[in-house]
């Protein structure tokens, strides 16, 4: 005995097949993606000039080679006054000031993605020439700063 599937079952099956095909393509694309890990240890001593506060913080950053986005999770403590701005600056070696590359959201902790990075931004990231800066009311030029340093060999 031969039966014909109900039209809604055929429609559902076609949609499921299409979704499975799209998922396979997306998974194949993300399998080629690499995420590089960086850290930043923020301190008042790294500011230019150094600020006389006990403030400190840290950030974990990942760069995705497909999306070209730089994502971070950062926290800090001990600021002498309220945060007013936060940025990623560059290109600059430690001890040298530079312009703003990307703004960061206010608040502690910070969880954000910025980008997409240009090829120049990416090169500066890999060379350690970008830094995170937290600006406060008491230190509008920056109270704490942390150079973003790639962790060599760490990727996933």
C-alpha atoms as a PDB file:
ATOM      1  CA  UNK A   1       0.000   0.000   0.000  1.00  0.00           C
ATOM      2  CA  UNK A   2       1.378   3.385  -1.033  1.00  0.00           C
ATOM      3  CA  UNK A   3       0.626   6.492   1.030  1.00  0.00           C
ATOM      4  CA  UNK A   4       1.368  10.097   0.251  1.00  0.00           C
ATOM      5  CA  UNK A   5       2.753  12.338   2.973  1.00  0.00           C
ATOM      6  CA  UNK A   6       0.588  15.200   4.052  1.00  0.00           C
ATOM      7  CA  UNK A   7       1.654  18.545   2.420  1.00  0.00           C
ATOM      8  CA  UNK A   8       2.532  20.095   5.809  1.00  0.00           C
ATOM      9  CA  UNK A   9       4.868  17.158   6.574  1.00  0.00           C
ATOM     10  CA  UNK A  10       6.612  17.596   3.212  1.00  0.00           C
ATOM     11  CA  UNK A  11       6.921  21.338   3.866  1.00  0.00           C
ATOM     12  CA  UNK A  12       8.372  20.718   7.345  1.00  0.00           C
ATOM     13  CA  UNK A  13      10.814  18.147   5.946  1.00  0.00           C
ATOM     14  CA  UNK A  14      12.012  20.573   3.230  1.00  0.00           C
ATOM     15  CA  UNK A  15      12.511  23.326   5.822  1.00  0.00           C
ATOM     16  CA  UNK A  16      14.430  20.966   8.107  1.00  0.00           C
ATOM     17  CA  UNK A  17      16.615  19.870   5.205  1.00  0.00           C
ATOM     18  CA  UNK A  18      17.287  23.496   4.214  1.00  0.00           C
ATOM     19  CA  UNK A  19      18.165  24.434   7.812  1.00  0.00           C
ATOM     20  CA  UNK A  20      20.468  21.433   8.119  1.00  0.00           C
ATOM     21  CA  UNK A  21      22.208  22.444   4.882  1.00  0.00           C
ATOM     22  CA  UNK A  22      22.664  26.031   6.100  1.00  0.00           C
ATOM     23  CA  UNK A  23      23.984  24.804   9.450  1.00  0.00           C
ATOM     24  CA  UNK A  24      26.524  22.614   7.656  1.00  0.00           C
ATOM     25  CA  UNK A  25      27.761  25.598   5.620  1.00  0.00           C
ATOM     26  CA  UNK A  26      27.957  27.830   8.705  1.00  0.00           C
ATOM     27  CA  UNK A  27      29.781  25.206  10.727  1.00  0.00           C
ATOM     28  CA  UNK A  28      32.247  24.685   7.903  1.00  0.00           C
ATOM     29  CA  UNK A  29      32.889  28.443   7.795  1.00  0.00           C
ATOM     30  CA  UNK A  30      33.383  28.706  11.560  1.00  0.00           C
ATOM     31  CA  UNK A  31      35.655  25.669  11.511  1.00  0.00           C
ATOM     32  CA  UNK A  32      38.050  27.829   9.480  1.00  0.00           C
ATOM     33  CA  UNK A  33      37.788  30.679  12.006  1.00  0.00           C
ATOM     34  CA  UNK A  34      40.581  31.144  14.486  1.00  0.00           C
ATOM     35  CA  UNK A  35      40.375  33.171  17.652  1.00  0.00           C
ATOM     36  CA  UNK A  36      43.577  34.623  19.048  1.00  0.00           C
ATOM     37  CA  UNK A  37      43.760  35.405  22.746  1.00  0.00           C
ATOM     38  CA  UNK A  38      45.296  38.515  24.321  1.00  0.00           C
ATOM     39  CA  UNK A  39      45.454  39.978  27.811  1.00  0.00           C
ATOM     40  CA  UNK A  40      45.868  43.421  29.311  1.00  0.00           C
ATOM     41  CA  UNK A  41      46.923  44.106  32.885  1.00  0.00           C
ATOM     42  CA  UNK A  42      45.759  47.630  33.719  1.00  0.00           C
ATOM     43  CA  UNK A  43      47.564  49.787  36.261  1.00  0.00           C
ATOM     44  CA  UNK A  44      48.090  53.417  37.197  1.00  0.00           C
ATOM     45  CA  UNK A  45      51.842  52.979  36.681  1.00  0.00           C
ATOM     46  CA  UNK A  46      51.319  52.369  32.941  1.00  0.00           C
ATOM     47  CA  UNK A  47      49.585  55.714  32.408  1.00  0.00           C
ATOM     48  CA  UNK A  48      51.461  58.494  30.622  1.00  0.00           C
ATOM     49  CA  UNK A  49      52.252  60.119  32.972  1.00  0.00           C
ATOM     50  CA  UNK A  50      51.618  57.565  35.743  1.00  0.00           C
ATOM     51  CA  UNK A  51      48.714  58.363  38.068  1.00  0.00           C
ATOM     52  CA  UNK A  52      49.201  58.067  41.836  1.00  0.00           C
ATOM     53  CA  UNK A  53      46.316  55.692  42.553  1.00  0.00           C
ATOM     54  CA  UNK A  54      46.135  52.052  43.644  1.00  0.00           C
ATOM     55  CA  UNK A  55      43.705  51.275  40.802  1.00  0.00           C
ATOM     56  CA  UNK A  56      44.276  48.138  38.764  1.00  0.00           C
ATOM     57  CA  UNK A  57      42.400  45.794  36.451  1.00  0.00           C
ATOM     58  CA  UNK A  58      42.647  43.085  33.843  1.00  0.00           C
ATOM     59  CA  UNK A  59      41.145  42.181  30.506  1.00  0.00           C
ATOM     60  CA  UNK A  60      40.878  39.027  28.446  1.00  0.00           C
ATOM     61  CA  UNK A  61      40.480  39.668  24.719  1.00  0.00           C
ATOM     62  CA  UNK A  62      39.807  37.440  21.715  1.00  0.00           C
ATOM     63  CA  UNK A  63      40.179  38.337  18.047  1.00  0.00           C
ATOM     64  CA  UNK A  64      38.149  36.376  15.505  1.00  0.00           C
ATOM     65  CA  UNK A  65      39.829  36.031  12.104  1.00  0.00           C
ATOM     66  CA  UNK A  66      36.541  35.640  10.233  1.00  0.00           C
ATOM     67  CA  UNK A  67      34.478  38.471  11.761  1.00  0.00           C
ATOM     68  CA  UNK A  68      37.572  40.627  12.441  1.00  0.00           C
ATOM     69  CA  UNK A  69      35.992  41.572  15.789  1.00  0.00           C
ATOM     70  CA  UNK A  70      37.944  42.062  18.984  1.00  0.00           C
ATOM     71  CA  UNK A  71      35.924  41.035  22.037  1.00  0.00           C
ATOM     72  CA  UNK A  72      36.856  41.703  25.621  1.00  0.00           C
ATOM     73  CA  UNK A  73      35.889  41.050  29.172  1.00  0.00           C
ATOM     74  CA  UNK A  74      37.516  43.516  31.570  1.00  0.00           C
ATOM     75  CA  UNK A  75      37.206  44.549  35.190  1.00  0.00           C
ATOM     76  CA  UNK A  76      39.004  46.947  37.500  1.00  0.00           C
ATOM     77  CA  UNK A  77      39.008  48.189  41.087  1.00  0.00           C
ATOM     78  CA  UNK A  78      40.336  51.050  43.173  1.00  0.00           C
ATOM     79  CA  UNK A  79      39.582  53.976  40.872  1.00  0.00           C
ATOM     80  CA  UNK A  80      39.978  57.298  42.676  1.00  0.00           C
ATOM     81  CA  UNK A  81      36.866  58.775  41.042  1.00  0.00           C
ATOM     82  CA  UNK A  82      34.053  57.891  38.650  1.00  0.00           C
ATOM     83  CA  UNK A  83      34.821  56.463  35.223  1.00  0.00           C
ATOM     84  CA  UNK A  84      33.959  58.973  32.500  1.00  0.00           C
ATOM     85  CA  UNK A  85      35.402  57.317  29.350  1.00  0.00           C
ATOM     86  CA  UNK A  86      37.040  54.095  28.230  1.00  0.00           C
ATOM     87  CA  UNK A  87      38.845  53.361  24.973  1.00  0.00           C
ATOM     88  CA  UNK A  88      41.225  51.193  23.061  1.00  0.00           C
ATOM     89  CA  UNK A  89      44.077  53.435  21.899  1.00  0.00           C
ATOM     90  CA  UNK A  90      46.921  52.918  19.474  1.00  0.00           C
ATOM     91  CA  UNK A  91      49.293  52.464  17.897  1.00  0.00           C
ATOM     92  CA  UNK A  92      51.704  53.054  20.771  1.00  0.00           C
ATOM     93  CA  UNK A  93      54.397  51.222  22.667  1.00  0.00           C
ATOM     94  CA  UNK A  94      54.203  51.157  26.476  1.00  0.00           C
ATOM     95  CA  UNK A  95      54.829  54.612  27.938  1.00  0.00           C
ATOM     96  CA  UNK A  96      53.657  56.396  24.798  1.00  0.00           C
ATOM     97  CA  UNK A  97      50.225  57.975  24.300  1.00  0.00           C
ATOM     98  CA  UNK A  98      48.160  57.491  21.132  1.00  0.00           C
ATOM     99  CA  UNK A  99      44.786  58.338  19.654  1.00  0.00           C
ATOM    100  CA  UNK A 100      41.503  56.500  20.145  1.00  0.00           C
ATOM    101  CA  UNK A 101      40.950  53.454  17.947  1.00  0.00           C
ATOM    102  CA  UNK A 102      37.675  52.189  19.484  1.00  0.00           C
ATOM    103  CA  UNK A 103      35.407  53.476  22.264  1.00  0.00           C
ATOM    104  CA  UNK A 104      34.430  51.052  25.029  1.00  0.00           C
ATOM    105  CA  UNK A 105      31.234  51.080  27.093  1.00  0.00           C
ATOM    106  CA  UNK A 106      31.212  52.622  30.537  1.00  0.00           C
ATOM    107  CA  UNK A 107      30.788  50.373  33.557  1.00  0.00           C
ATOM    108  CA  UNK A 108      32.513  47.644  35.469  1.00  0.00           C
ATOM    109  CA  UNK A 109      32.807  44.917  34.353  1.00  0.00           C
ATOM    110  CA  UNK A 110      33.061  45.606  30.632  1.00  0.00           C
ATOM    111  CA  UNK A 111      31.936  43.007  28.130  1.00  0.00           C
ATOM    112  CA  UNK A 112      32.062  44.264  24.566  1.00  0.00           C
ATOM    113  CA  UNK A 113      33.150  43.630  21.005  1.00  0.00           C
ATOM    114  CA  UNK A 114      34.713  46.291  18.796  1.00  0.00           C
ATOM    115  CA  UNK A 115      35.556  46.339  15.146  1.00  0.00           C
ATOM    116  CA  UNK A 116      35.817  45.167  12.578  1.00  0.00           C
ATOM    117  CA  UNK A 117      39.566  45.700  12.828  1.00  0.00           C
ATOM    118  CA  UNK A 118      41.343  46.888   9.711  1.00  0.00           C
ATOM    119  CA  UNK A 119      44.459  45.058   8.578  1.00  0.00           C
ATOM    120  CA  UNK A 120      46.498  47.870  10.195  1.00  0.00           C
ATOM    121  CA  UNK A 121      44.580  47.527  13.487  1.00  0.00           C
ATOM    122  CA  UNK A 122      45.185  43.765  13.412  1.00  0.00           C
ATOM    123  CA  UNK A 123      48.902  44.232  12.755  1.00  0.00           C
ATOM    124  CA  UNK A 124      49.098  46.694  15.667  1.00  0.00           C
ATOM    125  CA  UNK A 125      47.233  44.226  17.900  1.00  0.00           C
ATOM    126  CA  UNK A 126      49.683  41.421  17.060  1.00  0.00           C
ATOM    127  CA  UNK A 127      52.654  43.760  17.682  1.00  0.00           C
ATOM    128  CA  UNK A 128      51.332  44.824  21.114  1.00  0.00           C
ATOM    129  CA  UNK A 129      50.738  48.420  20.013  1.00  0.00           C
ATOM    130  CA  UNK A 130      47.148  48.782  21.295  1.00  0.00           C
ATOM    131  CA  UNK A 131      46.157  49.556  24.876  1.00  0.00           C
ATOM    132  CA  UNK A 132      43.043  49.907  27.032  1.00  0.00           C
ATOM    133  CA  UNK A 133      42.608  53.188  28.896  1.00  0.00           C
ATOM    134  CA  UNK A 134      40.085  53.979  31.642  1.00  0.00           C
ATOM    135  CA  UNK A 135      39.526  57.727  32.102  1.00  0.00           C
ATOM    136  CA  UNK A 136      38.054  59.124  35.340  1.00  0.00           C
ATOM    137  CA  UNK A 137      36.810  62.468  36.613  1.00  0.00           C
ATOM    138  CA  UNK A 138      39.994  62.833  38.688  1.00  0.00           C
ATOM    139  CA  UNK A 139      42.263  61.736  35.819  1.00  0.00           C
ATOM    140  CA  UNK A 140      40.520  62.740  32.568  1.00  0.00           C
ATOM    141  CA  UNK A 141      43.599  61.817  30.496  1.00  0.00           C
ATOM    142  CA  UNK A 142      43.446  58.319  32.008  1.00  0.00           C
ATOM    143  CA  UNK A 143      43.716  56.728  35.448  1.00  0.00           C
ATOM    144  CA  UNK A 144      44.681  53.188  34.446  1.00  0.00           C
ATOM    145  CA  UNK A 145      46.087  51.724  31.277  1.00  0.00           C
ATOM    146  CA  UNK A 146      46.967  48.252  30.073  1.00  0.00           C
ATOM    147  CA  UNK A 147      48.921  47.278  26.987  1.00  0.00           C
ATOM    148  CA  UNK A 148      47.140  44.513  25.016  1.00  0.00           C
ATOM    149  CA  UNK A 149      49.552  41.616  24.656  1.00  0.00           C
ATOM    150  CA  UNK A 150      48.975  38.535  22.512  1.00  0.00           C
ATOM    151  CA  UNK A 151      49.402  35.188  24.188  1.00  0.00           C
ATOM    152  CA  UNK A 152      51.642  33.399  21.707  1.00  0.00           C
ATOM    153  CA  UNK A 153      50.428  30.000  20.656  1.00  0.00           C
ATOM    154  CA  UNK A 154      47.013  30.347  22.315  1.00  0.00           C
ATOM    155  CA  UNK A 155      44.219  30.093  19.778  1.00  0.00           C
ATOM    156  CA  UNK A 156      40.998  28.192  19.528  1.00  0.00           C
END
